[in-house]
Structure formats: structure tokens, C-alpha cells
C-alpha atoms as a PDB file:
ATOM      1  CA  UNK A   1      13.700  -8.099  -0.502  1.00  0.00           C
ATOM      2  CA  UNK A   2      10.908  -5.712  -1.357  1.00  0.00           C
ATOM      3  CA  UNK A   3       7.422  -6.913  -2.253  1.00  0.00           C
ATOM      4  CA  UNK A   4       5.795  -4.622  -4.791  1.00  0.00           C
ATOM      5  CA  UNK A   5       2.037  -5.038  -5.083  1.00  0.00           C
ATOM      6  CA  UNK A   6       1.631  -3.757  -8.590  1.00  0.00           C
ATOM      7  CA  UNK A   7      -0.584  -3.280 -11.588  1.00  0.00           C
ATOM      8  CA  UNK A   8       0.309  -1.741 -14.948  1.00  0.00           C
ATOM      9  CA  UNK A   9      -0.528   1.856 -14.112  1.00  0.00           C
ATOM     10  CA  UNK A  10       1.653   4.966 -14.491  1.00  0.00           C
ATOM     11  CA  UNK A  11       2.407   4.978 -10.755  1.00  0.00           C
ATOM     12  CA  UNK A  12       3.262   1.290 -10.842  1.00  0.00           C
ATOM     13  CA  UNK A  13       5.710   1.897 -13.669  1.00  0.00           C
ATOM     14  CA  UNK A  14       7.376   4.749 -11.755  1.00  0.00           C
ATOM     15  CA  UNK A  15       8.096   2.465  -8.807  1.00  0.00           C
ATOM     16  CA  UNK A  16       9.555  -0.321 -10.951  1.00  0.00           C
ATOM     17  CA  UNK A  17      11.795   2.168 -12.734  1.00  0.00           C
ATOM     18  CA  UNK A  18      13.041   3.499  -9.378  1.00  0.00           C
ATOM     19  CA  UNK A  19      13.692   0.016  -7.982  1.00  0.00           C
ATOM     20  CA  UNK A  20      15.581  -1.017 -11.121  1.00  0.00           C
ATOM     21  CA  UNK A  21      17.717   2.124 -11.173  1.00  0.00           C
ATOM     22  CA  UNK A  22      18.405   1.871  -7.432  1.00  0.00           C
ATOM     23  CA  UNK A  23      19.506  -1.747  -7.864  1.00  0.00           C
ATOM     24  CA  UNK A  24      17.146  -2.961  -5.124  1.00  0.00           C
ATOM     25  CA  UNK A  25      15.933  -6.551  -5.037  1.00  0.00           C
ATOM     26  CA  UNK A  26      12.167  -6.821  -5.423  1.00  0.00           C
ATOM     27  CA  UNK A  27       9.436  -9.120  -6.556  1.00  0.00           C
ATOM     28  CA  UNK A  28       6.234  -8.068  -8.269  1.00  0.00           C
ATOM     29  CA  UNK A  29       2.972  -9.341  -6.865  1.00  0.00           C
ATOM     30  CA  UNK A  30       0.233  -8.490  -9.382  1.00  0.00           C
ATOM     31  CA  UNK A  31      -3.009  -7.000  -8.062  1.00  0.00           C
ATOM     32  CA  UNK A  32      -5.546  -6.786 -10.886  1.00  0.00           C
ATOM     33  CA  UNK A  33      -7.456  -3.561 -10.285  1.00  0.00           C
ATOM     34  CA  UNK A  34      -9.784  -4.356 -13.201  1.00  0.00           C
ATOM     35  CA  UNK A  35     -11.079  -7.310 -11.171  1.00  0.00           C
ATOM     36  CA  UNK A  36     -11.174  -5.323  -7.905  1.00  0.00           C
ATOM     37  CA  UNK A  37      -8.396  -7.343  -6.248  1.00  0.00           C
ATOM     38  CA  UNK A  38      -7.265  -4.224  -4.339  1.00  0.00           C
ATOM     39  CA  UNK A  39     -10.457  -4.527  -2.256  1.00  0.00           C
ATOM     40  CA  UNK A  40      -9.657  -8.022  -0.977  1.00  0.00           C
ATOM     41  CA  UNK A  41      -9.066  -8.260   2.794  1.00  0.00           C
ATOM     42  CA  UNK A  42      -5.539  -9.675   2.255  1.00  0.00           C
ATOM     43  CA  UNK A  43      -4.521  -6.538   0.341  1.00  0.00           C
ATOM     44  CA  UNK A  44      -6.333  -4.114   2.641  1.00  0.00           C
ATOM     45  CA  UNK A  45      -4.471  -5.604   5.619  1.00  0.00           C
ATOM     46  CA  UNK A  46      -1.387  -3.589   4.596  1.00  0.00           C
ATOM     47  CA  UNK A  47      -2.977  -0.971   2.333  1.00  0.00           C
ATOM     48  CA  UNK A  48      -6.124   0.001   4.238  1.00  0.00           C
ATOM     49  CA  UNK A  49      -7.170   2.616   1.700  1.00  0.00           C
ATOM     50  CA  UNK A  50      -6.742   0.039  -1.129  1.00  0.00           C
ATOM     51  CA  UNK A  51      -4.381   2.263  -3.117  1.00  0.00           C
ATOM     52  CA  UNK A  52      -1.757   1.025  -5.560  1.00  0.00           C
ATOM     53  CA  UNK A  53       1.133   0.425  -5.722  1.00  0.00           C
ATOM     54  CA  UNK A  54       1.903  -0.864  -2.234  1.00  0.00           C
ATOM     55  CA  UNK A  55       5.389  -1.729  -1.033  1.00  0.00           C
ATOM     56  CA  UNK A  56       6.564  -3.942   1.819  1.00  0.00           C
ATOM     57  CA  UNK A  57      10.276  -3.819   2.608  1.00  0.00           C
ATOM     58  CA  UNK A  58      11.173  -6.981   4.508  1.00  0.00           C
ATOM     59  CA  UNK A  59      14.735  -5.847   5.280  1.00  0.00           C
ATOM     60  CA  UNK A  60      14.718  -2.133   6.156  1.00  0.00           C
ATOM     61  CA  UNK A  61      17.958  -0.644   7.392  1.00  0.00           C
ATOM     62  CA  UNK A  62      16.752  -0.390  11.008  1.00  0.00           C
ATOM     63  CA  UNK A  63      15.158  -3.867  11.134  1.00  0.00           C
ATOM     64  CA  UNK A  64      11.567  -5.107  11.072  1.00  0.00           C
ATOM     65  CA  UNK A  65       9.211  -4.954   8.109  1.00  0.00           C
ATOM     66  CA  UNK A  66       8.091  -1.580   6.771  1.00  0.00           C
ATOM     67  CA  UNK A  67       5.029  -0.818   4.716  1.00  0.00           C
ATOM     68  CA  UNK A  68       4.519   2.112   2.438  1.00  0.00           C
ATOM     69  CA  UNK A  69       1.024   2.659   1.210  1.00  0.00           C
ATOM     70  CA  UNK A  70       0.257   5.759  -0.821  1.00  0.00           C
ATOM     71  CA  UNK A  71      -2.214   7.462   1.532  1.00  0.00           C
ATOM     72  CA  UNK A  72      -0.876  10.689   0.085  1.00  0.00           C
ATOM     73  CA  UNK A  73       2.169  11.457  -1.999  1.00  0.00           C
ATOM     74  CA  UNK A  74       4.265  13.103   0.724  1.00  0.00           C
ATOM     75  CA  UNK A  75       3.849  10.465   3.423  1.00  0.00           C
ATOM     76  CA  UNK A  76       4.651   7.700   0.948  1.00  0.00           C
ATOM     77  CA  UNK A  77       8.161   9.123   0.522  1.00  0.00           C
ATOM     78  CA  UNK A  78       8.791   9.015   4.284  1.00  0.00           C
ATOM     79  CA  UNK A  79       9.172   5.953   6.489  1.00  0.00           C
ATOM     80  CA  UNK A  80       5.680   5.078   7.712  1.00  0.00           C
ATOM     81  CA  UNK A  81       4.649   5.728  11.286  1.00  0.00           C
ATOM     82  CA  UNK A  82       1.787   4.241  13.219  1.00  0.00           C
ATOM     83  CA  UNK A  83      -0.359   7.126  11.973  1.00  0.00           C
ATOM     84  CA  UNK A  84       0.440   6.459   8.301  1.00  0.00           C
ATOM     85  CA  UNK A  85      -0.264   2.832   7.449  1.00  0.00           C
ATOM     86  CA  UNK A  86      -0.587   0.971  10.697  1.00  0.00           C
ATOM     87  CA  UNK A  87       3.068  -0.085  10.604  1.00  0.00           C
END
């Protein structure tokens, strides 16, 4: 199952479209950026630069949980390393 920390932004919509078309199981966890919820410590624990959307894959192919936070567009498309998101 993938947790998608999401708000109704163009980038958030792109991720939901991809997940739907890929047939991957996910749940949306809303993070209201209008209220500044992306700055809460709970969110910054896995997205240290408080960027949206954030994805946590609880069942990656090689085991363990993986985080993908959009530090920059290229790294977000690759599996995170310890240098990317603290995973």
C-alpha cells in the first residue's frame, strides 16, 4: 500500500493519475497547504523540505519502507538513497 500525502495541486493530480493508471493500491492522506499543514513536524519527518506531494511505499519490491519526497524532479523518479530523503 502506498500512502500519498496530497493536496489538490497540479502535481498532486499527476501522482493520482499515475497511481490509478498503474493499478497501484494507495490511500490519500490530505495535507492542507492553505493551513500550513506541510510545516508540521509529523509531515517534515518524512518530507524534510515540506514539499508536496509526498509518497511512502510500505511494500517496495526489495522490502522495507521507501519514501519519495520531491527534493527535485529527477531524484523523485529514482528510489531514494540516504542522501535524498533520509530513507
